[in-house]
Amino acid sequence: MVAADNLQKTPESSQFDLRAYLKERQKLCEDALDKAIPIRYPEKIYEAMRYSLLAGGKRLRPILCLASCEMMGGTIEIALATACALEMLHTMSLIHDDLPAMDNDDYRRGKLTNHKVYGEDIAILAGDGLLAYAFEYVVTHTQNVPLERVLQVIARLGRATGATGLVGGQVLDLESEGKTDISLETLNFIHNHKTAALLEACVVCGGILAGASSEDVQRLSRYSQNIGLAFQIIDDILDITATGEQLGKTAGKDQKAQKVTYPSLWGLQESKQKAQHLISDACAELEPFGEKALPLKELAHFITNRKH
């Protein structure tokens, strides 16, 4: 996690302790995820699922879900199951993304990737297990929420993870490797689906659970689309500027795979400026919510100021 001292100060920073907020919410999410998947028979698959699910990380996605729900007048309790499910889906995507057939990575979050520990067969099944259980978990553990809202959440999660979301983005990403004529339009499509779609689901689902109006859902969508693209731009920058130790995974993979990235199109400085502009636009969407929006605004700034 980026230390508070490394974060650029914003006007809201003096009113909101992001470091304490992240620490508290990360602990909350870690405890909930640990309880969500106990080890049963056959032990190996549950161990593999837990290995990647509990491997650390910023827990940004579940935290965004909780923050959105609270901003819209809901509670942590009604959003926690969906927040956990979102982290399960994200973890599934990481397990599969690291496979030899995909990005072929040996390390994730500073630890050996799932297939390096359990083998490719079990890694694939661990991802599949997390994918299926995420939907079951929302249905069986969401309480005190009208059924139609839960159904909307399920539909959003399916859209974000399937061919309309990260699967579709991943396919185009794989097809684009080694090609030097990838357009900005194609690059945006890849990352709006591969990265931003799940982040959008995190924010929007939190709002839906709290009963957000259609107008507010649109605001949440625009906010999350902007931070999703900014997140990817910063990822592309860090792949160039950070070390493997800082990233917790292999550095420089994009260049080695001859991937077109935002820095390769714009350069580092312009990429940073574009990311900052996206964050400003994202925060502007939250103005109608006043002080209740401080957590989401600060989380947006955290995205562009992170070091890993």
C-alpha atoms as a PDB file:
ATOM      1  CA  MET A   1       0.000   0.000   0.000  1.00  0.00           C
ATOM      2  CA  VAL A   2       1.234   3.507  -0.771  1.00  0.00           C
ATOM      3  CA  ALA A   3       2.117   5.412   2.367  1.00  0.00           C
ATOM      4  CA  ALA A   4       0.062   8.525   3.072  1.00  0.00           C
ATOM      5  CA  ASP A   5       3.212  10.641   2.882  1.00  0.00           C
ATOM      6  CA  ASN A   6       3.607   9.673  -0.786  1.00  0.00           C
ATOM      7  CA  LEU A   7       0.105  10.771  -1.748  1.00  0.00           C
ATOM      8  CA  GLN A   8      -0.417  14.153  -3.342  1.00  0.00           C
ATOM      9  CA  LYS A   9      -2.554  16.348  -1.138  1.00  0.00           C
ATOM     10  CA  THR A  10      -5.956  17.367  -2.433  1.00  0.00           C
ATOM     11  CA  PRO A  11      -8.368  19.898  -0.895  1.00  0.00           C
ATOM     12  CA  GLU A  12     -10.293  17.016   0.625  1.00  0.00           C
ATOM     13  CA  SER A  13      -7.225  15.345   2.166  1.00  0.00           C
ATOM     14  CA  SER A  14      -7.294  17.460   5.312  1.00  0.00           C
ATOM     15  CA  GLN A  15     -10.857  16.276   5.989  1.00  0.00           C
ATOM     16  CA  PHE A  16     -10.299  12.598   5.266  1.00  0.00           C
ATOM     17  CA  ASP A  17      -7.635  10.169   6.471  1.00  0.00           C
ATOM     18  CA  LEU A  18      -7.227   7.878   3.473  1.00  0.00           C
ATOM     19  CA  ARG A  19      -4.469   5.826   5.078  1.00  0.00           C
ATOM     20  CA  ALA A  20      -6.649   4.939   8.078  1.00  0.00           C
ATOM     21  CA  TYR A  21      -9.655   4.348   5.827  1.00  0.00           C
ATOM     22  CA  LEU A  22      -7.754   1.914   3.605  1.00  0.00           C
ATOM     23  CA  LYS A  23      -6.259   0.074   6.570  1.00  0.00           C
ATOM     24  CA  GLU A  24      -9.655  -0.380   8.221  1.00  0.00           C
ATOM     25  CA  ARG A  25     -11.440  -1.444   5.045  1.00  0.00           C
ATOM     26  CA  GLN A  26      -8.657  -3.795   3.956  1.00  0.00           C
ATOM     27  CA  LYS A  27      -8.841  -5.575   7.312  1.00  0.00           C
ATOM     28  CA  LEU A  28     -12.618  -5.802   7.000  1.00  0.00           C
ATOM     29  CA  CYS A  29     -12.361  -7.305   3.514  1.00  0.00           C
ATOM     30  CA  GLU A  30      -9.546  -9.695   4.459  1.00  0.00           C
ATOM     31  CA  ASP A  31     -11.555 -11.091   7.370  1.00  0.00           C
ATOM     32  CA  ALA A  32     -14.681 -11.496   5.250  1.00  0.00           C
ATOM     33  CA  LEU A  33     -12.794 -13.225   2.419  1.00  0.00           C
ATOM     34  CA  ASP A  34     -11.059 -15.578   4.856  1.00  0.00           C
ATOM     35  CA  LYS A  35     -14.432 -16.660   6.232  1.00  0.00           C
ATOM     36  CA  ALA A  36     -16.047 -16.870   2.805  1.00  0.00           C
ATOM     37  CA  ILE A  37     -14.049 -19.880   1.602  1.00  0.00           C
ATOM     38  CA  PRO A  38     -13.140 -22.381   4.332  1.00  0.00           C
ATOM     39  CA  ILE A  39     -11.142 -25.455   3.378  1.00  0.00           C
ATOM     40  CA  ARG A  40     -13.316 -28.485   2.636  1.00  0.00           C
ATOM     41  CA  TYR A  41     -12.910 -31.752   0.766  1.00  0.00           C
ATOM     42  CA  PRO A  42     -11.263 -31.967  -1.757  1.00  0.00           C
ATOM     43  CA  GLU A  43      -8.796 -29.790   0.090  1.00  0.00           C
ATOM     44  CA  LYS A  44      -6.473 -29.010  -2.817  1.00  0.00           C
ATOM     45  CA  ILE A  45      -8.971 -26.923  -4.780  1.00  0.00           C
ATOM     46  CA  TYR A  46      -9.974 -24.861  -1.750  1.00  0.00           C
ATOM     47  CA  GLU A  47      -6.326 -24.362  -0.828  1.00  0.00           C
ATOM     48  CA  ALA A  48      -5.611 -23.164  -4.368  1.00  0.00           C
ATOM     49  CA  MET A  49      -8.586 -20.790  -4.344  1.00  0.00           C
ATOM     50  CA  ARG A  50      -7.553 -19.376  -0.967  1.00  0.00           C
ATOM     51  CA  TYR A  51      -3.892 -19.135  -1.990  1.00  0.00           C
ATOM     52  CA  SER A  52      -4.630 -16.469  -4.573  1.00  0.00           C
ATOM     53  CA  LEU A  53      -7.683 -14.907  -2.926  1.00  0.00           C
ATOM     54  CA  LEU A  54      -5.810 -14.257   0.326  1.00  0.00           C
ATOM     55  CA  ALA A  55      -2.472 -13.298  -1.250  1.00  0.00           C
ATOM     56  CA  GLY A  56      -2.844  -9.648  -0.268  1.00  0.00           C
ATOM     57  CA  GLY A  57      -3.303  -6.689  -2.556  1.00  0.00           C
ATOM     58  CA  LYS A  58      -4.933  -3.303  -2.120  1.00  0.00           C
ATOM     59  CA  ARG A  59      -8.502  -4.716  -2.072  1.00  0.00           C
ATOM     60  CA  LEU A  60      -9.411  -1.654  -4.099  1.00  0.00           C
ATOM     61  CA  ARG A  61     -12.393  -3.281  -5.813  1.00  0.00           C
ATOM     62  CA  PRO A  62     -14.316  -4.371  -2.720  1.00  0.00           C
ATOM     63  CA  ILE A  63     -13.443  -1.084  -1.014  1.00  0.00           C
ATOM     64  CA  LEU A  64     -14.899   0.850  -3.965  1.00  0.00           C
ATOM     65  CA  CYS A  65     -18.088  -1.199  -3.695  1.00  0.00           C
ATOM     66  CA  LEU A  66     -18.449  -0.476   0.020  1.00  0.00           C
ATOM     67  CA  ALA A  67     -17.665   3.227  -0.432  1.00  0.00           C
ATOM     68  CA  SER A  68     -20.230   3.596  -3.206  1.00  0.00           C
ATOM     69  CA  CYS A  69     -22.925   1.870  -1.183  1.00  0.00           C
ATOM     70  CA  GLU A  70     -22.266   4.082   1.827  1.00  0.00           C
ATOM     71  CA  MET A  71     -22.226   7.246  -0.290  1.00  0.00           C
ATOM     72  CA  MET A  72     -25.683   6.369  -1.578  1.00  0.00           C
ATOM     73  CA  GLY A  73     -27.030   5.871   1.947  1.00  0.00           C
ATOM     74  CA  GLY A  74     -26.493   2.132   2.312  1.00  0.00           C
ATOM     75  CA  THR A  75     -24.429   0.180   4.829  1.00  0.00           C
ATOM     76  CA  ILE A  76     -21.327  -1.988   4.757  1.00  0.00           C
ATOM     77  CA  GLU A  77     -23.438  -4.983   5.780  1.00  0.00           C
ATOM     78  CA  ILE A  78     -25.674  -4.971   2.705  1.00  0.00           C
ATOM     79  CA  ALA A  79     -22.716  -4.594   0.310  1.00  0.00           C
ATOM     80  CA  LEU A  80     -20.121  -6.870   1.902  1.00  0.00           C
ATOM     81  CA  ALA A  81     -21.163 -10.071   0.107  1.00  0.00           C
ATOM     82  CA  THR A  82     -21.010  -8.335  -3.274  1.00  0.00           C
ATOM     83  CA  ALA A  83     -17.689  -6.736  -2.339  1.00  0.00           C
ATOM     84  CA  CYS A  84     -16.257 -10.190  -1.566  1.00  0.00           C
ATOM     85  CA  ALA A  85     -17.685 -11.603  -4.795  1.00  0.00           C
ATOM     86  CA  LEU A  86     -16.002  -8.840  -6.787  1.00  0.00           C
ATOM     87  CA  GLU A  87     -12.639  -9.728  -5.268  1.00  0.00           C
ATOM     88  CA  MET A  88     -13.260 -13.396  -6.121  1.00  0.00           C
ATOM     89  CA  LEU A  89     -13.934 -12.431  -9.738  1.00  0.00           C
ATOM     90  CA  HIS A  90     -10.857 -10.225  -9.842  1.00  0.00           C
ATOM     91  CA  THR A  91      -8.733 -13.020  -8.378  1.00  0.00           C
ATOM     92  CA  MET A  92     -10.098 -15.444 -10.964  1.00  0.00           C
ATOM     93  CA  SER A  93      -9.007 -13.076 -13.720  1.00  0.00           C
ATOM     94  CA  LEU A  94      -5.500 -12.826 -12.228  1.00  0.00           C
ATOM     95  CA  ILE A  95      -5.091 -16.602 -11.926  1.00  0.00           C
ATOM     96  CA  HIS A  96      -6.133 -17.127 -15.532  1.00  0.00           C
ATOM     97  CA  ASP A  97      -4.200 -14.087 -16.800  1.00  0.00           C
ATOM     98  CA  ASP A  98      -0.973 -15.478 -15.320  1.00  0.00           C
ATOM     99  CA  LEU A  99      -1.288 -18.863 -17.072  1.00  0.00           C
ATOM    100  CA  PRO A 100       1.316 -19.847 -19.719  1.00  0.00           C
ATOM    101  CA  ALA A 101      -1.390 -19.643 -22.396  1.00  0.00           C
ATOM    102  CA  MET A 102      -2.053 -16.011 -21.441  1.00  0.00           C
ATOM    103  CA  ASP A 103       0.612 -13.712 -19.929  1.00  0.00           C
ATOM    104  CA  ASN A 104       2.817 -16.534 -18.616  1.00  0.00           C
ATOM    105  CA  ASP A 105       3.826 -14.858 -15.366  1.00  0.00           C
ATOM    106  CA  ASP A 106       5.735 -16.494 -12.502  1.00  0.00           C
ATOM    107  CA  TYR A 107       4.927 -13.980  -9.755  1.00  0.00           C
ATOM    108  CA  ARG A 108       1.863 -12.121  -8.554  1.00  0.00           C
ATOM    109  CA  ARG A 109       1.792  -9.856  -5.493  1.00  0.00           C
ATOM    110  CA  GLY A 110       5.335 -10.977  -4.695  1.00  0.00           C
ATOM    111  CA  LYS A 111       4.400 -14.670  -4.525  1.00  0.00           C
ATOM    112  CA  LEU A 112       4.601 -17.507  -7.008  1.00  0.00           C
ATOM    113  CA  THR A 113       1.585 -17.538  -9.298  1.00  0.00           C
ATOM    114  CA  ASN A 114      -1.120 -20.129  -8.729  1.00  0.00           C
ATOM    115  CA  HIS A 115      -0.092 -22.455 -11.548  1.00  0.00           C
ATOM    116  CA  LYS A 116       3.526 -22.414 -10.335  1.00  0.00           C
ATOM    117  CA  VAL A 117       2.380 -23.777  -6.977  1.00  0.00           C
ATOM    118  CA  TYR A 118      -0.552 -26.030  -7.899  1.00  0.00           C
ATOM    119  CA  GLY A 119      -0.039 -26.742 -11.600  1.00  0.00           C
ATOM    120  CA  GLU A 120      -1.917 -25.414 -14.592  1.00  0.00           C
ATOM    121  CA  ASP A 121      -4.819 -27.835 -14.228  1.00  0.00           C
ATOM    122  CA  ILE A 122      -5.634 -26.890 -10.645  1.00  0.00           C
ATOM    123  CA  ALA A 123      -5.028 -23.179 -11.349  1.00  0.00           C
ATOM    124  CA  ILE A 124      -7.632 -23.220 -14.117  1.00  0.00           C
ATOM    125  CA  LEU A 125     -10.083 -25.012 -11.839  1.00  0.00           C
ATOM    126  CA  ALA A 126      -9.333 -22.625  -8.947  1.00  0.00           C
ATOM    127  CA  GLY A 127     -10.250 -19.701 -11.188  1.00  0.00           C
ATOM    128  CA  ASP A 128     -13.389 -21.513 -12.339  1.00  0.00           C
ATOM    129  CA  GLY A 129     -14.296 -22.262  -8.728  1.00  0.00           C
ATOM    130  CA  LEU A 130     -13.957 -18.607  -7.714  1.00  0.00           C
ATOM    131  CA  LEU A 131     -15.996 -17.496 -10.717  1.00  0.00           C
ATOM    132  CA  ALA A 132     -18.916 -19.783  -9.915  1.00  0.00           C
ATOM    133  CA  TYR A 133     -18.800 -19.226  -6.160  1.00  0.00           C
ATOM    134  CA  ALA A 134     -18.838 -15.434  -6.548  1.00  0.00           C
ATOM    135  CA  PHE A 135     -22.386 -15.541  -7.937  1.00  0.00           C
ATOM    136  CA  GLU A 136     -23.531 -18.097  -5.370  1.00  0.00           C
ATOM    137  CA  TYR A 137     -22.071 -15.971  -2.582  1.00  0.00           C
ATOM    138  CA  VAL A 138     -23.983 -12.839  -3.609  1.00  0.00           C
ATOM    139  CA  VAL A 139     -27.270 -14.772  -3.636  1.00  0.00           C
ATOM    140  CA  THR A 140     -26.748 -16.669  -0.377  1.00  0.00           C
ATOM    141  CA  HIS A 141     -25.100 -13.954   1.727  1.00  0.00           C
ATOM    142  CA  THR A 142     -26.784 -10.685   0.730  1.00  0.00           C
ATOM    143  CA  GLN A 143     -29.303  -9.736   3.396  1.00  0.00           C
ATOM    144  CA  ASN A 144     -31.904  -6.996   3.810  1.00  0.00           C
ATOM    145  CA  VAL A 145     -31.800  -5.999   0.138  1.00  0.00           C
ATOM    146  CA  PRO A 146     -34.827  -6.204  -2.201  1.00  0.00           C
ATOM    147  CA  LEU A 147     -34.564  -9.155  -4.589  1.00  0.00           C
ATOM    148  CA  GLU A 148     -34.727  -6.998  -7.721  1.00  0.00           C
ATOM    149  CA  ARG A 149     -31.568  -5.153  -6.630  1.00  0.00           C
ATOM    150  CA  VAL A 150     -29.735  -8.441  -6.059  1.00  0.00           C
ATOM    151  CA  LEU A 151     -30.776  -9.566  -9.544  1.00  0.00           C
ATOM    152  CA  GLN A 152     -29.436  -6.327 -11.019  1.00  0.00           C
ATOM    153  CA  VAL A 153     -26.129  -6.950  -9.259  1.00  0.00           C
ATOM    154  CA  ILE A 154     -25.910 -10.506 -10.608  1.00  0.00           C
ATOM    155  CA  ALA A 155     -26.557  -9.243 -14.137  1.00  0.00           C
ATOM    156  CA  ARG A 156     -23.880  -6.538 -13.762  1.00  0.00           C
ATOM    157  CA  LEU A 157     -21.318  -9.045 -12.506  1.00  0.00           C
ATOM    158  CA  GLY A 158     -22.020 -11.391 -15.404  1.00  0.00           C
ATOM    159  CA  ARG A 159     -21.719  -8.563 -17.933  1.00  0.00           C
ATOM    160  CA  ALA A 160     -18.455  -7.329 -16.425  1.00  0.00           C
ATOM    161  CA  THR A 161     -16.758 -10.744 -16.424  1.00  0.00           C
ATOM    162  CA  GLY A 162     -18.030 -12.298 -19.646  1.00  0.00           C
ATOM    163  CA  ALA A 163     -17.396 -11.622 -23.336  1.00  0.00           C
ATOM    164  CA  THR A 164     -19.002  -8.210 -22.878  1.00  0.00           C
ATOM    165  CA  GLY A 165     -16.391  -7.379 -20.242  1.00  0.00           C
ATOM    166  CA  LEU A 166     -12.998  -8.673 -19.205  1.00  0.00           C
ATOM    167  CA  VAL A 167     -13.127 -11.862 -21.313  1.00  0.00           C
ATOM    168  CA  GLY A 168     -13.748  -9.819 -24.451  1.00  0.00           C
ATOM    169  CA  GLY A 169     -11.015  -7.370 -23.507  1.00  0.00           C
ATOM    170  CA  GLN A 170      -8.571 -10.188 -22.845  1.00  0.00           C
ATOM    171  CA  VAL A 171      -9.263 -11.790 -26.230  1.00  0.00           C
ATOM    172  CA  LEU A 172      -8.507  -8.563 -28.085  1.00  0.00           C
ATOM    173  CA  ASP A 173      -5.455  -7.986 -25.871  1.00  0.00           C
ATOM    174  CA  LEU A 174      -4.056 -11.412 -26.811  1.00  0.00           C
ATOM    175  CA  GLU A 175      -4.778 -10.835 -30.495  1.00  0.00           C
ATOM    176  CA  SER A 176      -2.993  -7.474 -30.368  1.00  0.00           C
ATOM    177  CA  GLU A 177       0.317  -8.790 -28.990  1.00  0.00           C
ATOM    178  CA  GLY A 178       3.232  -8.149 -31.301  1.00  0.00           C
ATOM    179  CA  LYS A 179       1.217  -5.837 -33.558  1.00  0.00           C
ATOM    180  CA  THR A 180       2.553  -2.288 -33.867  1.00  0.00           C
ATOM    181  CA  ASP A 181      -0.445  -0.790 -35.657  1.00  0.00           C
ATOM    182  CA  ILE A 182      -2.928  -0.973 -32.759  1.00  0.00           C
ATOM    183  CA  SER A 183      -5.016   2.203 -32.680  1.00  0.00           C
ATOM    184  CA  LEU A 184      -5.940   4.245 -29.634  1.00  0.00           C
ATOM    185  CA  GLU A 185      -9.556   3.203 -30.245  1.00  0.00           C
ATOM    186  CA  THR A 186      -8.612  -0.472 -30.027  1.00  0.00           C
ATOM    187  CA  LEU A 187      -6.456   0.096 -26.961  1.00  0.00           C
ATOM    188  CA  ASN A 188      -9.318   1.913 -25.245  1.00  0.00           C
ATOM    189  CA  PHE A 189     -11.683  -0.945 -26.127  1.00  0.00           C
ATOM    190  CA  ILE A 190      -9.296  -3.491 -24.618  1.00  0.00           C
ATOM    191  CA  HIS A 191      -8.934  -1.686 -21.325  1.00  0.00           C
ATOM    192  CA  ASN A 192     -12.502  -0.424 -21.048  1.00  0.00           C
ATOM    193  CA  HIS A 193     -13.436  -4.105 -21.085  1.00  0.00           C
ATOM    194  CA  LYS A 194     -10.457  -5.852 -19.491  1.00  0.00           C
ATOM    195  CA  THR A 195      -9.899  -3.383 -16.632  1.00  0.00           C
ATOM    196  CA  ALA A 196     -12.602  -0.737 -16.384  1.00  0.00           C
ATOM    197  CA  ALA A 197     -15.622  -3.063 -16.699  1.00  0.00           C
ATOM    198  CA  LEU A 198     -15.029  -4.790 -13.375  1.00  0.00           C
ATOM    199  CA  LEU A 199     -14.165  -1.510 -11.639  1.00  0.00           C
ATOM    200  CA  GLU A 200     -17.422  -0.082 -12.986  1.00  0.00           C
ATOM    201  CA  ALA A 201     -19.316  -3.084 -11.612  1.00  0.00           C
ATOM    202  CA  CYS A 202     -17.743  -2.488  -8.191  1.00  0.00           C
ATOM    203  CA  VAL A 203     -18.918   1.105  -7.978  1.00  0.00           C
ATOM    204  CA  VAL A 204     -22.288   0.687  -9.678  1.00  0.00           C
ATOM    205  CA  CYS A 205     -23.263  -2.453  -7.738  1.00  0.00           C
ATOM    206  CA  GLY A 206     -22.580  -0.687  -4.458  1.00  0.00           C
ATOM    207  CA  GLY A 207     -24.941   2.081  -5.532  1.00  0.00           C
ATOM    208  CA  ILE A 208     -27.619  -0.328  -6.777  1.00  0.00           C
ATOM    209  CA  LEU A 209     -27.650  -2.207  -3.469  1.00  0.00           C
ATOM    210  CA  ALA A 210     -28.301   1.096  -1.694  1.00  0.00           C
ATOM    211  CA  GLY A 211     -31.163   1.992  -4.040  1.00  0.00           C
ATOM    212  CA  ALA A 212     -29.431   4.523  -6.291  1.00  0.00           C
ATOM    213  CA  SER A 213     -31.626   6.226  -8.897  1.00  0.00           C
ATOM    214  CA  SER A 214     -30.981   5.655 -12.595  1.00  0.00           C
ATOM    215  CA  GLU A 215     -29.457   9.143 -12.807  1.00  0.00           C
ATOM    216  CA  ASP A 216     -27.098   8.381  -9.925  1.00  0.00           C
ATOM    217  CA  VAL A 217     -26.179   5.032 -11.491  1.00  0.00           C
ATOM    218  CA  GLN A 218     -25.155   6.919 -14.637  1.00  0.00           C
ATOM    219  CA  ARG A 219     -22.963   9.219 -12.558  1.00  0.00           C
ATOM    220  CA  LEU A 220     -21.361   6.231 -10.851  1.00  0.00           C
ATOM    221  CA  SER A 221     -20.784   4.616 -14.249  1.00  0.00           C
ATOM    222  CA  ARG A 222     -19.028   7.679 -15.645  1.00  0.00           C
ATOM    223  CA  TYR A 223     -16.934   8.040 -12.474  1.00  0.00           C
ATOM    224  CA  SER A 224     -15.833   4.409 -12.583  1.00  0.00           C
ATOM    225  CA  GLN A 225     -15.144   4.346 -16.331  1.00  0.00           C
ATOM    226  CA  ASN A 226     -12.806   7.292 -15.870  1.00  0.00           C
ATOM    227  CA  ILE A 227     -10.955   5.792 -12.915  1.00  0.00           C
ATOM    228  CA  GLY A 228     -10.776   2.439 -14.714  1.00  0.00           C
ATOM    229  CA  LEU A 229      -8.979   3.930 -17.694  1.00  0.00           C
ATOM    230  CA  ALA A 230      -6.738   5.987 -15.403  1.00  0.00           C
ATOM    231  CA  PHE A 231      -5.912   2.807 -13.461  1.00  0.00           C
ATOM    232  CA  GLN A 232      -4.751   1.099 -16.654  1.00  0.00           C
ATOM    233  CA  ILE A 233      -2.685   4.078 -17.789  1.00  0.00           C
ATOM    234  CA  ILE A 234      -0.877   4.070 -14.428  1.00  0.00           C
ATOM    235  CA  ASP A 235      -0.384   0.291 -14.716  1.00  0.00           C
ATOM    236  CA  ASP A 236       1.240   0.825 -18.119  1.00  0.00           C
ATOM    237  CA  ILE A 237       3.488   3.536 -16.680  1.00  0.00           C
ATOM    238  CA  LEU A 238       4.514   1.400 -13.700  1.00  0.00           C
ATOM    239  CA  ASP A 239       5.395  -1.503 -15.990  1.00  0.00           C
ATOM    240  CA  ILE A 240       8.087   0.799 -17.388  1.00  0.00           C
ATOM    241  CA  THR A 241       9.166   2.765 -14.310  1.00  0.00           C
ATOM    242  CA  ALA A 242       8.790   0.349 -11.366  1.00  0.00           C
ATOM    243  CA  THR A 243      10.922  -2.627 -10.395  1.00  0.00           C
ATOM    244  CA  GLY A 244       9.697  -6.194 -10.128  1.00  0.00           C
ATOM    245  CA  GLU A 245      10.010  -5.922  -6.361  1.00  0.00           C
ATOM    246  CA  GLN A 246       7.775  -2.831  -6.300  1.00  0.00           C
ATOM    247  CA  LEU A 247       5.204  -4.407  -8.611  1.00  0.00           C
ATOM    248  CA  GLY A 248       5.190  -7.828  -6.966  1.00  0.00           C
ATOM    249  CA  LYS A 249       5.326  -9.305 -10.484  1.00  0.00           C
ATOM    250  CA  THR A 250       7.647  -9.250 -13.483  1.00  0.00           C
ATOM    251  CA  ALA A 251       8.433  -5.716 -14.650  1.00  0.00           C
ATOM    252  CA  GLY A 252       8.749  -4.730 -18.303  1.00  0.00           C
ATOM    253  CA  LYS A 253       6.467  -7.512 -19.547  1.00  0.00           C
ATOM    254  CA  ASP A 254       4.518  -5.208 -21.866  1.00  0.00           C
ATOM    255  CA  GLN A 255       7.624  -4.149 -23.747  1.00  0.00           C
ATOM    256  CA  LYS A 256       8.933  -7.715 -23.992  1.00  0.00           C
ATOM    257  CA  ALA A 257       5.567  -8.883 -25.342  1.00  0.00           C
ATOM    258  CA  GLN A 258       5.607  -5.958 -27.791  1.00  0.00           C
ATOM    259  CA  LYS A 259       2.290  -4.697 -26.480  1.00  0.00           C
ATOM    260  CA  VAL A 260       0.990  -1.309 -27.532  1.00  0.00           C
ATOM    261  CA  THR A 261       0.425   0.673 -24.332  1.00  0.00           C
ATOM    262  CA  TYR A 262      -0.590   4.221 -23.494  1.00  0.00           C
ATOM    263  CA  PRO A 263       3.015   5.329 -22.886  1.00  0.00           C
ATOM    264  CA  SER A 264       4.040   3.786 -26.211  1.00  0.00           C
ATOM    265  CA  LEU A 265       1.429   5.971 -27.922  1.00  0.00           C
ATOM    266  CA  TRP A 266       1.668   9.126 -25.841  1.00  0.00           C
ATOM    267  CA  GLY A 267       4.936   8.963 -23.901  1.00  0.00           C
ATOM    268  CA  LEU A 268       5.234   8.919 -20.120  1.00  0.00           C
ATOM    269  CA  GLN A 269       4.549  12.576 -19.391  1.00  0.00           C
ATOM    270  CA  GLU A 270       1.431  12.861 -21.528  1.00  0.00           C
ATOM    271  CA  SER A 271       0.178   9.545 -20.150  1.00  0.00           C
ATOM    272  CA  LYS A 272       0.455  10.901 -16.608  1.00  0.00           C
ATOM    273  CA  GLN A 273      -1.400  14.055 -17.641  1.00  0.00           C
ATOM    274  CA  LYS A 274      -4.165  12.039 -19.300  1.00  0.00           C
ATOM    275  CA  ALA A 275      -4.576   9.936 -16.144  1.00  0.00           C
ATOM    276  CA  GLN A 276      -4.827  13.054 -13.967  1.00  0.00           C
ATOM    277  CA  HIS A 277      -7.417  14.528 -16.326  1.00  0.00           C
ATOM    278  CA  LEU A 278      -9.498  11.353 -16.127  1.00  0.00           C
ATOM    279  CA  ILE A 279      -9.394  11.476 -12.330  1.00  0.00           C
ATOM    280  CA  SER A 280     -10.522  15.115 -12.357  1.00  0.00           C
ATOM    281  CA  ASP A 281     -13.450  14.202 -14.604  1.00  0.00           C
ATOM    282  CA  ALA A 282     -14.292  11.267 -12.338  1.00  0.00           C
ATOM    283  CA  CYS A 283     -14.374  13.437  -9.225  1.00  0.00           C
ATOM    284  CA  ALA A 284     -16.534  16.024 -10.986  1.00  0.00           C
ATOM    285  CA  GLU A 285     -19.232  13.376 -11.343  1.00  0.00           C
ATOM    286  CA  LEU A 286     -19.409  13.111  -7.548  1.00  0.00           C
ATOM    287  CA  GLU A 287     -19.975  16.799  -6.795  1.00  0.00           C
ATOM    288  CA  PRO A 288     -23.740  16.395  -6.178  1.00  0.00           C
ATOM    289  CA  PHE A 289     -23.019  13.999  -3.306  1.00  0.00           C
ATOM    290  CA  GLY A 290     -21.061  16.530  -1.225  1.00  0.00           C
ATOM    291  CA  GLU A 291     -18.948  15.295   1.682  1.00  0.00           C
ATOM    292  CA  LYS A 292     -20.344  11.765   1.353  1.00  0.00           C
ATOM    293  CA  ALA A 293     -18.236  11.453  -1.802  1.00  0.00           C
ATOM    294  CA  LEU A 294     -14.901  12.091  -0.053  1.00  0.00           C
ATOM    295  CA  PRO A 295     -13.891   8.395   0.143  1.00  0.00           C
ATOM    296  CA  LEU A 296     -14.546   7.804  -3.562  1.00  0.00           C
ATOM    297  CA  LYS A 297     -12.771  11.027  -4.517  1.00  0.00           C
ATOM    298  CA  GLU A 298      -9.709  10.151  -2.460  1.00  0.00           C
ATOM    299  CA  LEU A 299      -9.689   6.597  -3.812  1.00  0.00           C
ATOM    300  CA  ALA A 300      -9.626   8.091  -7.312  1.00  0.00           C
ATOM    301  CA  HIS A 301      -6.551  10.166  -6.460  1.00  0.00           C
ATOM    302  CA  PHE A 302      -4.979   7.118  -4.814  1.00  0.00           C
ATOM    303  CA  ILE A 303      -5.161   5.290  -8.141  1.00  0.00           C
ATOM    304  CA  THR A 304      -2.964   7.814  -9.942  1.00  0.00           C
ATOM    305  CA  ASN A 305      -0.529   8.265  -7.051  1.00  0.00           C
ATOM    306  CA  ARG A 306       0.152   4.601  -6.316  1.00  0.00           C
ATOM    307  CA  LYS A 307       3.677   3.243  -6.712  1.00  0.00           C
ATOM    308  CA  HIS A 308       2.755  -0.393  -7.341  1.00  0.00           C
END
